[in-house]
């Protein structure tokens, strides 16, 4: 793999020492950065609406997704990759809305850093602005077309420059192609499934909780004989297409693991929340003020219980105990 994640973590080991907790600290750090990016993406696209401050809903849906929870527990490369791809999309959205090309530089650097974290799977934000033009039908804005071209070509240009200027990067990239990427595409490395659509089924399973919550809220509205309006259709489609651009290329190979979906899941969650947020808001507004206080107290006690349980589990090994003992 490209070495950037290991380089970043080496700094954390220098600062926090060589214990296993350092990996947990690093993983928590990437989780907080990803959370910030998701919240900012939501706030930016809904800044002129009543839903601007409701970014905690997609954050909640995101963190309860099983593979997201598992991924941050286990400190996967996808955690760092997600940080860079989320910020790449955020900077491109800021570039569109503020009409500033400087954000394209930041987006390009984020994509390059993502590439140095996990390779070609970091390149899906290259077409974010093209998706925006297509969904919102901004075909007459020539500056936007220029931004789309620049956002696609700049990261590639940066990578080419790095390849020819830095021998270490060139050597690593060549080995990445020959030992990792090409064997995986040719199904000669770690074949984990027998059919290419396996990850689609895994994605549906991972999204089952937010989907069920959405269905429940819609049914609740129908039972109350209230009209159900699906708002924010274009914004939802925008996020959906980004999610598909991040996940569908993974179907090329039979080397598939569920955690490969981690960078794409935030965008599927955002797409779903564009539909569900009106239902969530109307439902939560029905809860009495006194009930809010009870919810806060229950949340507080759940945090205390979780922290206490975590402290009690400190140092315990759940699996491979014999191997760890020998080590």
Protein backbone atom coordinates (compact mmCIF):
# COMPACT_ATOMS: atom_id res chain seq x y z
CA UNK A 1 0.00 0.00 0.00
CA UNK A 2 1.02 3.65 -0.31
CA UNK A 3 2.75 4.69 2.91
CA UNK A 4 1.08 7.93 4.07
CA UNK A 5 -1.16 6.41 6.78
CA UNK A 6 1.82 4.63 8.31
CA UNK A 7 3.79 7.88 8.16
CA UNK A 8 1.04 9.78 9.99
CA UNK A 9 0.71 7.05 12.61
CA UNK A 10 4.47 7.05 13.18
CA UNK A 11 4.13 10.67 14.36
CA UNK A 12 1.44 9.59 16.83
CA UNK A 13 3.71 6.82 18.13
CA UNK A 14 6.48 9.37 18.66
CA UNK A 15 4.10 11.65 20.58
CA UNK A 16 2.03 9.13 22.57
CA UNK A 17 4.47 6.23 22.87
CA UNK A 18 4.55 2.70 21.51
CA UNK A 19 1.50 1.22 23.26
CA UNK A 20 -1.63 -0.10 21.57
CA UNK A 21 -3.61 2.90 22.84
CA UNK A 22 -1.78 5.08 20.33
CA UNK A 23 -3.63 3.36 17.49
CA UNK A 24 -6.92 4.00 19.29
CA UNK A 25 -6.05 7.68 19.68
CA UNK A 26 -5.17 7.92 15.99
CA UNK A 27 -8.38 6.14 14.99
CA UNK A 28 -10.45 8.45 17.21
CA UNK A 29 -8.67 11.42 15.62
CA UNK A 30 -9.67 10.28 12.11
CA UNK A 31 -13.22 9.65 13.34
CA UNK A 32 -13.48 13.22 14.65
CA UNK A 33 -12.11 14.64 11.38
CA UNK A 34 -14.56 12.59 9.29
CA UNK A 35 -17.42 13.67 11.57
CA UNK A 36 -16.41 17.31 11.14
CA UNK A 37 -16.30 16.95 7.34
CA UNK A 38 -19.75 15.27 7.20
CA UNK A 39 -21.25 17.99 9.40
CA UNK A 40 -19.67 20.77 7.31
CA UNK A 41 -20.84 19.22 4.01
CA UNK A 42 -24.40 19.06 5.37
CA UNK A 43 -24.25 22.60 6.78
CA UNK A 44 -22.85 24.01 3.56
CA UNK A 45 -25.50 22.52 1.28
CA UNK A 46 -28.35 23.36 3.66
CA UNK A 47 -27.01 26.72 4.92
CA UNK A 48 -30.00 28.65 3.50
CA UNK A 49 -32.61 26.22 4.83
CA UNK A 50 -34.19 25.33 8.16
CA UNK A 51 -32.14 22.11 8.24
CA UNK A 52 -28.73 23.78 8.50
CA UNK A 53 -28.17 22.85 12.16
CA UNK A 54 -29.52 19.32 11.82
CA UNK A 55 -26.23 17.82 10.68
CA UNK A 56 -26.14 15.68 13.82
CA UNK A 57 -28.82 13.42 12.27
CA UNK A 58 -26.59 12.16 9.39
CA UNK A 59 -23.72 11.90 11.91
CA UNK A 60 -25.86 9.64 14.11
CA UNK A 61 -26.96 7.50 11.14
CA UNK A 62 -23.33 7.27 9.99
CA UNK A 63 -21.80 6.20 13.31
CA UNK A 64 -24.42 3.48 13.96
CA UNK A 65 -23.64 1.86 10.60
CA UNK A 66 -22.00 -1.44 11.65
CA UNK A 67 -18.96 -1.30 9.37
CA UNK A 68 -18.21 2.32 10.34
CA UNK A 69 -18.28 1.37 14.02
CA UNK A 70 -16.09 -1.67 13.35
CA UNK A 71 -13.69 0.21 11.09
CA UNK A 72 -12.82 2.88 13.65
CA UNK A 73 -12.43 0.25 16.36
CA UNK A 74 -9.88 -1.54 14.21
CA UNK A 75 -7.95 1.42 12.80
CA UNK A 76 -8.23 0.61 9.10
CA UNK A 77 -6.57 2.51 6.26
CA UNK A 78 -10.06 3.49 5.08
CA UNK A 79 -10.44 5.72 8.15
CA UNK A 80 -7.71 8.08 6.97
CA UNK A 81 -8.79 7.70 3.35
CA UNK A 82 -12.33 8.81 4.30
CA UNK A 83 -10.98 11.97 5.93
CA UNK A 84 -9.29 13.06 2.70
CA UNK A 85 -12.12 12.09 0.34
CA UNK A 86 -14.74 13.81 2.53
CA UNK A 87 -12.69 17.01 2.71
CA UNK A 88 -12.04 16.82 -1.05
CA UNK A 89 -15.80 16.83 -1.67
CA UNK A 90 -16.30 19.58 0.92
CA UNK A 91 -13.69 21.84 -0.69
CA UNK A 92 -15.26 21.29 -4.12
CA UNK A 93 -18.69 22.25 -2.77
CA UNK A 94 -17.14 25.37 -1.20
CA UNK A 95 -15.48 26.17 -4.53
CA UNK A 96 -18.85 25.97 -6.30
CA UNK A 97 -20.78 28.02 -3.76
CA UNK A 98 -18.15 30.66 -3.02
CA UNK A 99 -16.86 30.75 -6.61
CA UNK A 100 -13.25 30.56 -5.43
CA UNK A 101 -10.66 28.48 -7.27
CA UNK A 102 -8.42 28.34 -4.18
CA UNK A 103 -10.69 25.64 -2.77
CA UNK A 104 -9.90 23.51 -5.84
CA UNK A 105 -6.24 23.50 -4.79
CA UNK A 106 -7.24 22.24 -1.34
CA UNK A 107 -9.54 19.63 -2.89
CA UNK A 108 -6.75 18.47 -5.21
CA UNK A 109 -4.27 18.17 -2.34
CA UNK A 110 -6.86 16.17 -0.37
CA UNK A 111 -7.26 13.75 -3.27
CA UNK A 112 -3.47 13.41 -3.61
CA UNK A 113 -3.16 12.70 0.13
CA UNK A 114 -6.00 10.18 -0.18
CA UNK A 115 -4.17 8.49 -3.05
CA UNK A 116 -1.06 8.25 -0.88
CA UNK A 117 -3.23 6.57 1.77
CA UNK A 118 -4.97 3.82 -0.24
CA UNK A 119 -4.29 4.28 -3.95
CA UNK A 120 -6.80 4.60 -6.79
CA UNK A 121 -9.89 4.22 -4.57
CA UNK A 122 -9.24 7.82 -3.45
CA UNK A 123 -9.87 9.25 -6.93
CA UNK A 124 -13.68 9.21 -6.98
CA UNK A 125 -13.95 12.93 -5.93
CA UNK A 126 -12.39 13.80 -9.30
CA UNK A 127 -15.91 13.81 -10.80
CA UNK A 128 -17.78 15.53 -7.93
CA UNK A 129 -18.25 18.84 -9.77
CA UNK A 130 -19.27 16.99 -12.95
CA UNK A 131 -21.96 15.23 -10.91
CA UNK A 132 -23.05 18.60 -9.51
CA UNK A 133 -23.39 20.05 -13.03
CA UNK A 134 -25.38 17.03 -14.16
CA UNK A 135 -27.76 16.88 -11.18
CA UNK A 136 -28.42 20.60 -10.78
CA UNK A 137 -28.38 21.18 -14.57
CA UNK A 138 -25.84 23.99 -14.41
CA UNK A 139 -24.92 23.59 -18.07
CA UNK A 140 -24.74 27.30 -18.83
CA UNK A 141 -22.20 28.22 -16.16
CA UNK A 142 -18.90 28.10 -18.03
CA UNK A 143 -16.86 28.89 -14.90
CA UNK A 144 -18.29 25.76 -13.34
CA UNK A 145 -17.14 23.71 -16.34
CA UNK A 146 -13.66 25.19 -15.91
CA UNK A 147 -13.76 24.23 -12.22
CA UNK A 148 -14.83 20.71 -13.14
CA UNK A 149 -11.95 20.33 -15.60
CA UNK A 150 -9.47 21.79 -13.11
CA UNK A 151 -10.71 19.57 -10.26
CA UNK A 152 -10.18 16.52 -12.47
CA UNK A 153 -6.80 17.42 -13.96
CA UNK A 154 -5.02 19.12 -11.02
CA UNK A 155 -4.75 16.04 -8.75
CA UNK A 156 -3.55 13.93 -11.68
CA UNK A 157 -0.98 16.60 -12.54
CA UNK A 158 0.24 16.71 -8.91
CA UNK A 159 0.60 12.92 -8.87
CA UNK A 160 2.56 12.90 -12.14
CA UNK A 161 4.93 15.58 -10.79
CA UNK A 162 5.46 13.62 -7.57
CA UNK A 163 6.07 10.44 -9.55
CA UNK A 164 8.91 11.96 -11.58
CA UNK A 165 10.40 14.13 -8.83
CA UNK A 166 10.44 11.71 -5.90
CA UNK A 167 12.17 8.35 -6.54
CA UNK A 168 10.70 6.88 -3.34
CA UNK A 169 7.16 7.60 -4.49
CA UNK A 170 7.93 6.20 -7.93
CA UNK A 171 9.33 3.00 -6.44
CA UNK A 172 6.40 2.59 -4.06
CA UNK A 173 3.84 3.27 -6.80
CA UNK A 174 5.40 0.72 -9.17
CA UNK A 175 5.33 -1.94 -6.46
CA UNK A 176 1.75 -1.00 -5.55
CA UNK A 177 0.70 -1.59 -9.16
CA UNK A 178 2.58 -4.86 -9.63
CA UNK A 179 1.92 -6.42 -6.21
CA UNK A 180 -1.45 -5.00 -5.17
CA UNK A 181 -3.60 -3.45 -7.91
CA UNK A 182 -3.00 -5.57 -11.02
CA UNK A 183 -3.15 -8.94 -9.20
CA UNK A 184 -6.39 -7.83 -7.50
CA UNK A 185 -8.00 -6.80 -10.81
CA UNK A 186 -6.90 -10.10 -12.39
CA UNK A 187 -8.34 -12.00 -9.39
CA UNK A 188 -4.92 -13.40 -8.52
CA UNK A 189 -4.80 -11.94 -5.01
CA UNK A 190 -7.02 -12.63 -1.99
CA UNK A 191 -10.20 -13.61 -3.81
CA UNK A 192 -12.93 -13.24 -1.17
CA UNK A 193 -16.14 -13.77 -3.19
CA UNK A 194 -17.41 -15.60 -6.25
CA UNK A 195 -19.63 -12.90 -7.73
CA UNK A 196 -18.90 -9.26 -8.43
CA UNK A 197 -22.11 -7.84 -6.94
CA UNK A 198 -21.26 -9.09 -3.45
CA UNK A 199 -20.42 -5.59 -2.19
CA UNK A 200 -23.84 -4.32 -3.31
CA UNK A 201 -25.49 -6.81 -0.96
CA UNK A 202 -23.06 -5.83 1.79
CA UNK A 203 -23.92 -2.17 1.24
CA UNK A 204 -27.66 -2.86 1.55
CA UNK A 205 -27.01 -4.74 4.78
CA UNK A 206 -24.89 -1.91 6.21
CA UNK A 207 -27.59 0.66 5.47
CA UNK A 208 -30.42 -1.43 6.94
CA UNK A 209 -30.67 0.54 10.21
CA UNK A 210 -31.08 4.03 8.68
CA UNK A 211 -33.35 2.59 5.98
CA UNK A 212 -35.61 0.98 8.61
CA UNK A 213 -35.71 4.23 10.59
CA UNK A 214 -36.70 6.08 7.41
CA UNK A 215 -39.46 3.57 6.62
CA UNK A 216 -40.75 3.78 10.19
CA UNK A 217 -40.97 7.59 10.07
CA UNK A 218 -42.75 7.55 6.70
CA UNK A 219 -45.25 4.92 7.89
CA UNK A 220 -45.82 7.02 11.02
CA UNK A 221 -46.74 9.99 8.87
CA UNK A 222 -49.13 7.87 6.81
CA UNK A 223 -50.80 6.50 9.95
CA UNK A 224 -51.38 10.05 11.14
CA UNK A 225 -52.88 10.75 7.71
CA UNK A 226 -50.33 13.47 7.06
CA UNK A 227 -49.03 14.19 3.58
CA UNK A 228 -45.58 12.85 2.81
CA UNK A 229 -43.45 15.19 0.76
CA UNK A 230 -40.01 14.07 -0.40
CA UNK A 231 -37.86 17.18 -0.28
CA UNK A 232 -34.31 17.86 -1.44
CA UNK A 233 -34.50 15.35 -4.29
CA UNK A 234 -31.64 16.86 -6.29
CA UNK A 235 -29.33 17.15 -3.29
CA UNK A 236 -30.11 13.54 -2.40
CA UNK A 237 -29.32 12.41 -5.96
CA UNK A 238 -26.06 14.41 -5.83
CA UNK A 239 -24.88 12.49 -2.75
CA UNK A 240 -26.17 9.18 -4.11
CA UNK A 241 -24.13 9.50 -7.31
CA UNK A 242 -21.01 10.39 -5.33
CA UNK A 243 -21.57 7.29 -3.18
CA UNK A 244 -21.96 5.14 -6.30
CA UNK A 245 -18.80 6.62 -7.84
CA UNK A 246 -16.94 5.57 -4.68
CA UNK A 247 -18.36 2.03 -4.50
CA UNK A 248 -19.23 0.70 -7.97
CA UNK A 249 -15.58 0.61 -9.21
CA UNK A 250 -14.87 -1.84 -6.38
CA UNK A 251 -17.01 -4.43 -8.18
CA UNK A 252 -14.33 -4.86 -10.87
CA UNK A 253 -12.41 -7.32 -8.73
CA UNK A 254 -13.39 -10.40 -6.72
CA UNK A 255 -11.18 -9.16 -3.89
CA UNK A 256 -13.95 -7.52 -1.91
CA UNK A 257 -14.25 -6.73 1.77
CA UNK A 258 -17.06 -4.85 3.47
CA UNK A 259 -14.74 -2.21 4.92
CA UNK A 260 -13.86 -1.12 1.38
CA UNK A 261 -17.26 0.64 1.49
CA UNK A 262 -16.26 2.92 4.37
CA UNK A 263 -15.39 5.98 2.17
CA UNK A 264 -18.68 5.71 0.24
CA UNK A 265 -21.08 5.17 3.16
CA UNK A 266 -21.11 8.83 4.36
CA UNK A 267 -22.50 9.89 0.99
CA UNK A 268 -25.21 7.22 0.99
CA UNK A 269 -26.13 8.31 4.51
CA UNK A 270 -26.25 11.99 3.43
CA UNK A 271 -28.43 11.04 0.44
CA UNK A 272 -30.85 9.17 2.68
CA UNK A 273 -30.97 11.99 5.22
CA UNK A 274 -31.95 14.52 2.59
CA UNK A 275 -35.23 12.59 2.40
CA UNK A 276 -35.64 11.70 6.04
CA UNK A 277 -34.73 14.99 7.74
CA UNK A 278 -38.22 16.57 7.40
CA UNK A 279 -39.79 13.49 9.00
CA UNK A 280 -37.19 13.38 11.77
CA UNK A 281 -37.65 17.06 12.54
CA UNK A 282 -41.45 16.92 12.66
CA UNK A 283 -41.32 13.80 14.85
CA UNK A 284 -38.79 15.23 17.32
CA UNK A 285 -40.73 18.48 17.63
CA UNK A 286 -43.65 16.44 19.00
CA UNK A 287 -41.58 15.36 22.02
CA UNK A 288 -42.45 17.43 25.13
CA UNK A 289 -39.76 19.62 26.75
CA UNK A 290 -39.78 17.49 29.93
CA UNK A 291 -39.05 14.42 27.82
CA UNK A 292 -36.00 16.22 26.40
CA UNK A 293 -34.59 16.47 29.92
CA UNK A 294 -35.13 12.74 30.50
CA UNK A 295 -33.40 11.98 27.19
CA UNK A 296 -30.41 14.11 28.25
CA UNK A 297 -30.13 12.32 31.59
CA UNK A 298 -30.44 8.88 29.97
CA UNK A 299 -27.76 9.86 27.43
CA UNK A 300 -25.50 11.05 30.23
CA UNK A 301 -25.84 7.76 32.13
CA UNK A 302 -25.26 5.75 28.94
CA UNK A 303 -21.98 7.62 28.42
CA UNK A 304 -20.93 6.86 32.02
CA UNK A 305 -21.82 3.17 31.59
CA UNK A 306 -19.93 2.99 28.27
CA UNK A 307 -16.81 4.61 29.73
CA UNK A 308 -16.96 2.36 32.80
CA UNK A 309 -17.30 -0.75 30.64
CA UNK A 310 -14.38 0.40 28.45
CA UNK A 311 -12.17 0.90 31.53
CA UNK A 312 -13.08 -2.55 32.87
CA UNK A 313 -12.16 -4.11 29.49
CA UNK A 314 -8.76 -2.41 29.46
CA UNK A 315 -5.97 -4.88 28.72
CA UNK A 316 -8.29 -7.83 28.03
CA UNK A 317 -7.76 -9.79 24.82
CA UNK A 318 -10.90 -11.13 23.16
CA UNK A 319 -9.39 -13.32 20.44
CA UNK A 320 -6.07 -14.98 19.61
CA UNK A 321 -5.18 -14.95 23.31
CA UNK A 322 -2.54 -17.68 22.93
CA UNK A 323 -0.80 -15.84 20.08
CA UNK A 324 -0.76 -12.56 22.03
CA UNK A 325 0.54 -14.36 25.10
CA UNK A 326 3.43 -15.82 23.10
CA UNK A 327 4.20 -12.46 21.54
